[in-house]
Amino acid sequence: MHTYRGHRADSFRPIDVLELNEFRARNRTFNGAYRRTAIATLGYALTALRLFDSRFFRIGILYLVLSILLFALGYFRARHSRHDFSDRPETSALYDQALPTVGQEDRREYGRPFITAGRDVVAIGALVMIVEFLLLAFVLQI
C-alpha cells in the first residue's frame, strides 16, 4: 500500500498549488499520454473498419490490436508511476548518489526523482515498428 505523507492514496491532499501542479503534470504525462494515444489509434481502427471496404479489414484489426496493447502498456505504466509521490521507507543508495538537476539544487523534491521509463519507451517503439511493417505488408498486398 502506498502512503503519501502518512495518508492513504484516496485521502491524500496536496499542501499547496505547486505540489498540485506537479502531481497533475506527472499524471498528464504518465497516464494521459498513453490513454490519448490508445484512444486515437482506436478511433483510426474503427474508421478503417467502418468506412472502407473489406480489403482494409486487416488494417483496421491491426490498429485495434495496437490500441488494446497501448491501453495495456498505459495501465502498467500507471501502476508503476503510482508511487511517484509515495513516502520512501528508506533512502536507497542510488538515490543518494543521484546528481541534482542543474538549477534545481535548492528546490523542493516531489516524491522520488523523475526517471525516464526506458523499458516502456523501447516496448512501445518496438510495438509500433512491428505494426508499421505489418501495415506496409498489408498495403502492398492490396
N, C-alpha and C. Protein backbone atom coordinates (compact mmCIF):
# COMPACT_ATOMS: atom_id res chain seq x y z
N MET A 1 0.85 -1.17 0.00
CA MET A 1 0.00 0.00 0.00
C MET A 1 0.89 1.24 0.00
N HIS A 2 0.55 2.20 -0.81
CA HIS A 2 1.32 3.42 -0.92
C HIS A 2 0.73 4.47 0.02
N THR A 3 1.61 5.14 0.75
CA THR A 3 1.17 6.25 1.60
C THR A 3 1.86 7.52 1.13
N TYR A 4 1.16 8.62 1.29
CA TYR A 4 1.66 9.93 0.87
C TYR A 4 1.62 10.85 2.09
N ARG A 5 2.78 11.15 2.62
CA ARG A 5 2.92 11.89 3.87
C ARG A 5 2.06 11.25 4.97
N GLY A 6 2.05 9.92 5.00
CA GLY A 6 1.33 9.17 6.00
C GLY A 6 -0.14 8.93 5.68
N HIS A 7 -0.65 9.48 4.60
CA HIS A 7 -2.06 9.29 4.22
C HIS A 7 -2.17 8.21 3.15
N ARG A 8 -3.33 7.52 3.16
CA ARG A 8 -3.61 6.61 2.06
C ARG A 8 -3.80 7.42 0.78
N ALA A 9 -3.72 6.76 -0.35
CA ALA A 9 -3.80 7.46 -1.63
C ALA A 9 -5.14 8.18 -1.81
N ASP A 10 -6.23 7.60 -1.32
CA ASP A 10 -7.54 8.21 -1.50
C ASP A 10 -7.75 9.44 -0.62
N SER A 11 -7.02 9.54 0.48
CA SER A 11 -7.20 10.68 1.38
C SER A 11 -6.07 11.71 1.26
N PHE A 12 -5.20 11.53 0.28
CA PHE A 12 -4.07 12.45 0.10
C PHE A 12 -4.57 13.78 -0.44
N ARG A 13 -4.12 14.89 0.14
CA ARG A 13 -4.41 16.23 -0.33
C ARG A 13 -3.09 16.99 -0.47
N PRO A 14 -2.88 17.61 -1.64
CA PRO A 14 -1.65 18.41 -1.79
C PRO A 14 -1.64 19.57 -0.80
N ILE A 15 -0.44 19.95 -0.37
CA ILE A 15 -0.35 21.01 0.64
C ILE A 15 -0.34 22.40 0.04
N ASP A 16 0.00 22.53 -1.24
CA ASP A 16 0.00 23.84 -1.87
C ASP A 16 -0.21 23.68 -3.38
N VAL A 17 -0.29 24.80 -4.07
CA VAL A 17 -0.56 24.80 -5.50
C VAL A 17 0.61 24.20 -6.28
N LEU A 18 1.83 24.41 -5.83
CA LEU A 18 2.99 23.86 -6.54
C LEU A 18 2.96 22.33 -6.54
N GLU A 19 2.62 21.75 -5.41
CA GLU A 19 2.55 20.30 -5.34
C GLU A 19 1.38 19.78 -6.18
N LEU A 20 0.27 20.47 -6.18
CA LEU A 20 -0.86 20.09 -7.01
C LEU A 20 -0.50 20.16 -8.50
N ASN A 21 0.20 21.21 -8.92
CA ASN A 21 0.63 21.33 -10.31
C ASN A 21 1.60 20.21 -10.70
N GLU A 22 2.51 19.88 -9.81
CA GLU A 22 3.45 18.80 -10.09
C GLU A 22 2.72 17.46 -10.21
N PHE A 23 1.78 17.24 -9.31
CA PHE A 23 1.01 16.00 -9.35
C PHE A 23 0.21 15.90 -10.64
N ARG A 24 -0.44 16.99 -11.04
CA ARG A 24 -1.22 16.99 -12.29
C ARG A 24 -0.33 16.82 -13.51
N ALA A 25 0.85 17.44 -13.51
CA ALA A 25 1.77 17.32 -14.65
C ALA A 25 2.24 15.88 -14.82
N ARG A 26 2.59 15.24 -13.72
CA ARG A 26 3.02 13.84 -13.82
C ARG A 26 1.86 12.94 -14.25
N ASN A 27 0.66 13.25 -13.78
CA ASN A 27 -0.50 12.45 -14.16
C ASN A 27 -0.79 12.60 -15.65
N ARG A 28 -0.72 13.84 -16.17
CA ARG A 28 -0.95 14.06 -17.60
C ARG A 28 0.11 13.35 -18.43
N THR A 29 1.35 13.42 -17.97
CA THR A 29 2.44 12.83 -18.74
C THR A 29 2.37 11.32 -18.73
N PHE A 30 2.27 10.74 -17.56
CA PHE A 30 2.36 9.29 -17.46
C PHE A 30 1.06 8.60 -17.86
N ASN A 31 -0.07 9.11 -17.40
CA ASN A 31 -1.33 8.43 -17.66
C ASN A 31 -2.01 8.95 -18.91
N GLY A 32 -2.11 10.26 -19.04
CA GLY A 32 -2.87 10.84 -20.14
C GLY A 32 -2.29 10.55 -21.51
N ALA A 33 -1.00 10.58 -21.65
CA ALA A 33 -0.38 10.40 -22.97
C ALA A 33 -0.66 9.00 -23.52
N TYR A 34 -0.55 7.99 -22.68
CA TYR A 34 -0.80 6.63 -23.15
C TYR A 34 -2.27 6.46 -23.52
N ARG A 35 -3.16 6.98 -22.69
CA ARG A 35 -4.60 6.86 -22.98
C ARG A 35 -5.00 7.62 -24.23
N ARG A 36 -4.50 8.84 -24.39
CA ARG A 36 -4.84 9.62 -25.59
C ARG A 36 -4.35 8.93 -26.85
N THR A 37 -3.16 8.38 -26.82
CA THR A 37 -2.63 7.68 -27.99
C THR A 37 -3.45 6.44 -28.29
N ALA A 38 -3.82 5.70 -27.27
CA ALA A 38 -4.62 4.49 -27.48
C ALA A 38 -6.00 4.83 -28.01
N ILE A 39 -6.61 5.89 -27.51
CA ILE A 39 -7.94 6.29 -27.99
C ILE A 39 -7.87 6.76 -29.43
N ALA A 40 -6.84 7.52 -29.78
CA ALA A 40 -6.69 7.98 -31.16
C ALA A 40 -6.47 6.79 -32.11
N THR A 41 -5.68 5.81 -31.68
CA THR A 41 -5.45 4.63 -32.50
C THR A 41 -6.73 3.81 -32.63
N LEU A 42 -7.49 3.73 -31.55
CA LEU A 42 -8.77 3.03 -31.61
C LEU A 42 -9.73 3.73 -32.56
N GLY A 43 -9.73 5.04 -32.56
CA GLY A 43 -10.57 5.80 -33.49
C GLY A 43 -10.18 5.52 -34.93
N TYR A 44 -8.90 5.45 -35.19
CA TYR A 44 -8.44 5.14 -36.55
C TYR A 44 -8.84 3.72 -36.94
N ALA A 45 -8.75 2.79 -35.99
CA ALA A 45 -9.13 1.41 -36.28
C ALA A 45 -10.62 1.32 -36.60
N LEU A 46 -11.44 1.99 -35.83
CA LEU A 46 -12.88 1.97 -36.10
C LEU A 46 -13.22 2.63 -37.43
N THR A 47 -12.49 3.69 -37.76
CA THR A 47 -12.70 4.35 -39.06
C THR A 47 -12.35 3.40 -40.19
N ALA A 48 -11.23 2.72 -40.08
CA ALA A 48 -10.82 1.79 -41.13
C ALA A 48 -11.79 0.62 -41.23
N LEU A 49 -12.33 0.18 -40.11
CA LEU A 49 -13.25 -0.96 -40.13
C LEU A 49 -14.63 -0.58 -40.67
N ARG A 50 -15.08 0.65 -40.38
CA ARG A 50 -16.45 1.02 -40.75
C ARG A 50 -16.57 1.68 -42.12
N LEU A 51 -15.61 2.49 -42.50
CA LEU A 51 -15.77 3.30 -43.70
C LEU A 51 -15.23 2.66 -44.98
N PHE A 52 -14.20 1.86 -44.84
CA PHE A 52 -13.57 1.31 -46.03
C PHE A 52 -14.12 -0.07 -46.33
N ASP A 53 -13.81 -0.57 -47.51
CA ASP A 53 -14.34 -1.89 -47.88
C ASP A 53 -13.54 -3.00 -47.20
N SER A 54 -13.89 -4.22 -47.52
CA SER A 54 -13.34 -5.37 -46.80
C SER A 54 -11.85 -5.57 -47.03
N ARG A 55 -11.28 -4.95 -48.04
CA ARG A 55 -9.83 -5.10 -48.27
C ARG A 55 -9.03 -4.47 -47.14
N PHE A 56 -9.62 -3.50 -46.43
CA PHE A 56 -8.91 -2.79 -45.36
C PHE A 56 -9.23 -3.38 -43.98
N PHE A 57 -9.92 -4.51 -43.97
CA PHE A 57 -10.31 -5.12 -42.70
C PHE A 57 -9.09 -5.49 -41.85
N ARG A 58 -8.06 -6.05 -42.47
CA ARG A 58 -6.86 -6.44 -41.70
C ARG A 58 -6.14 -5.23 -41.13
N ILE A 59 -6.16 -4.12 -41.84
CA ILE A 59 -5.52 -2.90 -41.33
C ILE A 59 -6.28 -2.39 -40.11
N GLY A 60 -7.61 -2.42 -40.18
CA GLY A 60 -8.42 -2.00 -39.02
C GLY A 60 -8.18 -2.89 -37.82
N ILE A 61 -8.11 -4.19 -38.05
CA ILE A 61 -7.85 -5.13 -36.95
C ILE A 61 -6.45 -4.90 -36.37
N LEU A 62 -5.50 -4.63 -37.24
CA LEU A 62 -4.13 -4.36 -36.78
C LEU A 62 -4.09 -3.15 -35.85
N TYR A 63 -4.77 -2.07 -36.23
CA TYR A 63 -4.81 -0.89 -35.37
C TYR A 63 -5.64 -1.12 -34.12
N LEU A 64 -6.64 -1.97 -34.19
CA LEU A 64 -7.41 -2.32 -33.00
C LEU A 64 -6.52 -3.05 -31.99
N VAL A 65 -5.73 -3.99 -32.48
CA VAL A 65 -4.80 -4.71 -31.60
C VAL A 65 -3.76 -3.74 -31.02
N LEU A 66 -3.26 -2.81 -31.84
CA LEU A 66 -2.31 -1.82 -31.35
C LEU A 66 -2.91 -0.97 -30.24
N SER A 67 -4.16 -0.55 -30.41
CA SER A 67 -4.78 0.28 -29.37
C SER A 67 -4.99 -0.50 -28.08
N ILE A 68 -5.36 -1.76 -28.18
CA ILE A 68 -5.52 -2.59 -26.97
C ILE A 68 -4.18 -2.75 -26.26
N LEU A 69 -3.12 -3.00 -27.02
CA LEU A 69 -1.80 -3.14 -26.40
C LEU A 69 -1.32 -1.82 -25.80
N LEU A 70 -1.65 -0.70 -26.43
CA LEU A 70 -1.28 0.60 -25.85
C LEU A 70 -2.04 0.86 -24.55
N PHE A 71 -3.32 0.47 -24.51
CA PHE A 71 -4.08 0.58 -23.26
C PHE A 71 -3.43 -0.26 -22.17
N ALA A 72 -3.01 -1.49 -22.52
CA ALA A 72 -2.37 -2.36 -21.53
C ALA A 72 -1.05 -1.78 -21.04
N LEU A 73 -0.22 -1.29 -21.96
CA LEU A 73 1.04 -0.67 -21.53
C LEU A 73 0.79 0.57 -20.69
N GLY A 74 -0.22 1.36 -21.05
CA GLY A 74 -0.57 2.53 -20.25
C GLY A 74 -1.03 2.16 -18.86
N TYR A 75 -1.77 1.06 -18.74
CA TYR A 75 -2.23 0.60 -17.43
C TYR A 75 -1.05 0.20 -16.55
N PHE A 76 -0.12 -0.56 -17.13
CA PHE A 76 1.04 -0.98 -16.34
C PHE A 76 1.94 0.21 -15.98
N ARG A 77 2.04 1.18 -16.88
CA ARG A 77 2.83 2.38 -16.59
C ARG A 77 2.17 3.19 -15.48
N ALA A 78 0.85 3.27 -15.49
CA ALA A 78 0.14 4.00 -14.44
C ALA A 78 0.32 3.31 -13.08
N ARG A 79 0.30 1.99 -13.08
CA ARG A 79 0.52 1.27 -11.82
C ARG A 79 1.93 1.49 -11.30
N HIS A 80 2.88 1.54 -12.24
CA HIS A 80 4.28 1.75 -11.85
C HIS A 80 4.50 3.17 -11.32
N SER A 81 3.83 4.13 -11.92
CA SER A 81 4.05 5.52 -11.52
C SER A 81 3.22 5.93 -10.31
N ARG A 82 2.41 5.02 -9.78
CA ARG A 82 1.57 5.36 -8.63
C ARG A 82 2.40 5.76 -7.41
N HIS A 83 3.57 5.21 -7.29
CA HIS A 83 4.39 5.52 -6.12
C HIS A 83 5.35 6.68 -6.34
N ASP A 84 5.12 7.50 -7.36
CA ASP A 84 5.98 8.65 -7.59
C ASP A 84 5.97 9.62 -6.41
N PHE A 85 4.83 9.83 -5.84
CA PHE A 85 4.72 10.73 -4.70
C PHE A 85 4.75 10.00 -3.36
N SER A 86 4.81 8.69 -3.38
CA SER A 86 4.68 7.95 -2.14
C SER A 86 5.89 8.15 -1.24
N ASP A 87 5.65 7.90 0.04
CA ASP A 87 6.71 8.01 1.03
C ASP A 87 7.74 6.91 0.79
N ARG A 88 8.99 7.25 1.01
CA ARG A 88 10.06 6.26 0.88
C ARG A 88 10.36 5.69 2.25
N PRO A 89 10.25 4.36 2.43
CA PRO A 89 10.55 3.80 3.74
C PRO A 89 12.01 3.98 4.14
N GLU A 90 12.90 3.87 3.18
CA GLU A 90 14.31 4.12 3.44
C GLU A 90 14.93 4.70 2.19
N THR A 91 16.01 5.39 2.38
CA THR A 91 16.70 6.01 1.25
C THR A 91 17.61 4.98 0.60
N SER A 92 17.47 4.81 -0.70
CA SER A 92 18.31 3.85 -1.39
C SER A 92 19.67 4.48 -1.69
N ALA A 93 20.66 3.64 -1.93
CA ALA A 93 22.00 4.12 -2.23
C ALA A 93 22.03 4.85 -3.57
N LEU A 94 21.23 4.37 -4.53
CA LEU A 94 21.21 5.04 -5.83
C LEU A 94 20.62 6.44 -5.72
N TYR A 95 19.62 6.61 -4.87
CA TYR A 95 19.02 7.93 -4.69
C TYR A 95 20.04 8.89 -4.06
N ASP A 96 20.83 8.41 -3.14
CA ASP A 96 21.84 9.26 -2.51
C ASP A 96 22.95 9.65 -3.48
N GLN A 97 23.24 8.80 -4.46
CA GLN A 97 24.29 9.07 -5.43
C GLN A 97 23.82 9.90 -6.62
N ALA A 98 22.51 10.11 -6.74
CA ALA A 98 21.98 10.83 -7.90
C ALA A 98 22.44 12.28 -7.87
N LEU A 99 22.78 12.79 -9.04
CA LEU A 99 23.18 14.19 -9.16
C LEU A 99 21.95 15.07 -9.32
N PRO A 100 21.87 16.17 -8.62
CA PRO A 100 20.72 17.05 -8.79
C PRO A 100 20.74 17.71 -10.16
N THR A 101 19.56 18.00 -10.67
CA THR A 101 19.45 18.69 -11.94
C THR A 101 20.01 20.10 -11.80
N VAL A 102 20.77 20.54 -12.78
CA VAL A 102 21.37 21.86 -12.72
C VAL A 102 20.25 22.91 -12.66
N GLY A 103 20.35 23.80 -11.69
CA GLY A 103 19.34 24.83 -11.50
C GLY A 103 18.24 24.42 -10.54
N GLN A 104 18.22 23.15 -10.11
CA GLN A 104 17.16 22.66 -9.23
C GLN A 104 17.71 22.17 -7.88
N GLU A 105 18.93 22.57 -7.54
CA GLU A 105 19.57 22.03 -6.35
C GLU A 105 18.83 22.40 -5.07
N ASP A 106 18.29 23.60 -5.00
CA ASP A 106 17.66 24.05 -3.76
C ASP A 106 16.13 23.97 -3.82
N ARG A 107 15.60 23.33 -4.81
CA ARG A 107 14.15 23.22 -4.95
C ARG A 107 13.61 22.07 -4.12
N ARG A 108 12.32 22.13 -3.87
CA ARG A 108 11.66 21.09 -3.10
C ARG A 108 11.52 19.83 -3.96
N GLU A 109 11.66 18.67 -3.34
CA GLU A 109 11.52 17.41 -4.05
C GLU A 109 10.09 16.90 -3.89
N TYR A 110 9.54 16.44 -5.00
CA TYR A 110 8.19 15.89 -5.00
C TYR A 110 8.29 14.39 -5.23
N GLY A 111 8.33 13.63 -4.17
CA GLY A 111 8.44 12.19 -4.32
C GLY A 111 9.80 11.78 -4.82
N ARG A 112 9.82 10.63 -5.46
CA ARG A 112 11.10 10.13 -5.97
C ARG A 112 11.52 10.94 -7.19
N PRO A 113 12.79 10.94 -7.52
CA PRO A 113 13.23 11.71 -8.69
C PRO A 113 12.66 11.13 -9.98
N PHE A 114 12.49 12.00 -10.96
CA PHE A 114 11.95 11.58 -12.24
C PHE A 114 12.95 10.70 -12.97
N ILE A 115 12.48 9.55 -13.43
CA ILE A 115 13.31 8.63 -14.19
C ILE A 115 12.53 8.29 -15.46
N THR A 116 13.18 8.45 -16.59
CA THR A 116 12.53 8.13 -17.85
C THR A 116 12.22 6.64 -17.91
N ALA A 117 11.05 6.32 -18.40
CA ALA A 117 10.62 4.93 -18.48
C ALA A 117 11.22 4.31 -19.73
N GLY A 118 12.49 4.00 -19.70
CA GLY A 118 13.20 3.50 -20.86
C GLY A 118 12.64 2.20 -21.39
N ARG A 119 12.31 1.27 -20.50
CA ARG A 119 11.77 -0.01 -20.96
C ARG A 119 10.42 0.18 -21.64
N ASP A 120 9.60 1.08 -21.10
CA ASP A 120 8.29 1.33 -21.70
C ASP A 120 8.44 1.98 -23.07
N VAL A 121 9.37 2.90 -23.19
CA VAL A 121 9.60 3.57 -24.47
C VAL A 121 10.10 2.57 -25.51
N VAL A 122 11.00 1.69 -25.12
CA VAL A 122 11.50 0.67 -26.04
C VAL A 122 10.38 -0.29 -26.43
N ALA A 123 9.55 -0.68 -25.47
CA ALA A 123 8.44 -1.60 -25.76
C ALA A 123 7.46 -0.97 -26.74
N ILE A 124 7.10 0.28 -26.51
CA ILE A 124 6.15 0.95 -27.41
C ILE A 124 6.79 1.17 -28.78
N GLY A 125 8.06 1.55 -28.81
CA GLY A 125 8.75 1.73 -30.08
C GLY A 125 8.80 0.44 -30.88
N ALA A 126 9.10 -0.68 -30.23
CA ALA A 126 9.15 -1.97 -30.92
C ALA A 126 7.76 -2.37 -31.39
N LEU A 127 6.76 -2.13 -30.56
CA LEU A 127 5.39 -2.47 -30.94
C LEU A 127 4.93 -1.68 -32.16
N VAL A 128 5.18 -0.39 -32.16
CA VAL A 128 4.78 0.45 -33.29
C VAL A 128 5.57 0.09 -34.54
N MET A 129 6.84 -0.24 -34.39
CA MET A 129 7.65 -0.62 -35.54
C MET A 129 7.11 -1.91 -36.17
N ILE A 130 6.75 -2.89 -35.35
CA ILE A 130 6.18 -4.12 -35.87
C ILE A 130 4.86 -3.84 -36.59
N VAL A 131 4.03 -2.98 -35.99
CA VAL A 131 2.75 -2.63 -36.62
C VAL A 131 2.98 -1.93 -37.95
N GLU A 132 3.95 -1.05 -38.02
CA GLU A 132 4.21 -0.34 -39.27
C GLU A 132 4.70 -1.29 -40.36
N PHE A 133 5.54 -2.26 -40.02
CA PHE A 133 5.99 -3.25 -41.00
C PHE A 133 4.81 -4.10 -41.48
N LEU A 134 3.95 -4.51 -40.55
CA LEU A 134 2.76 -5.27 -40.96
C LEU A 134 1.84 -4.43 -41.81
N LEU A 135 1.70 -3.15 -41.46
CA LEU A 135 0.86 -2.26 -42.25
C LEU A 135 1.41 -2.13 -43.68
N LEU A 136 2.71 -2.00 -43.81
CA LEU A 136 3.32 -1.93 -45.13
C LEU A 136 3.06 -3.21 -45.92
N ALA A 137 3.18 -4.36 -45.26
CA ALA A 137 2.91 -5.63 -45.93
C ALA A 137 1.46 -5.73 -46.36
N PHE A 138 0.53 -5.27 -45.52
CA PHE A 138 -0.89 -5.31 -45.87
C PHE A 138 -1.20 -4.38 -47.05
N VAL A 139 -0.61 -3.20 -47.04
CA VAL A 139 -0.87 -2.24 -48.12
C VAL A 139 -0.30 -2.76 -49.43
N LEU A 140 0.86 -3.38 -49.40
CA LEU A 140 1.45 -3.92 -50.63
C LEU A 140 0.64 -5.10 -51.18
N GLN A 141 -0.09 -5.79 -50.34
CA GLN A 141 -0.93 -6.89 -50.79
C GLN A 141 -2.22 -6.40 -51.44
N ILE A 142 -2.65 -5.20 -51.08
CA ILE A 142 -3.89 -4.64 -51.64
C ILE A 142 -3.64 -4.18 -53.00
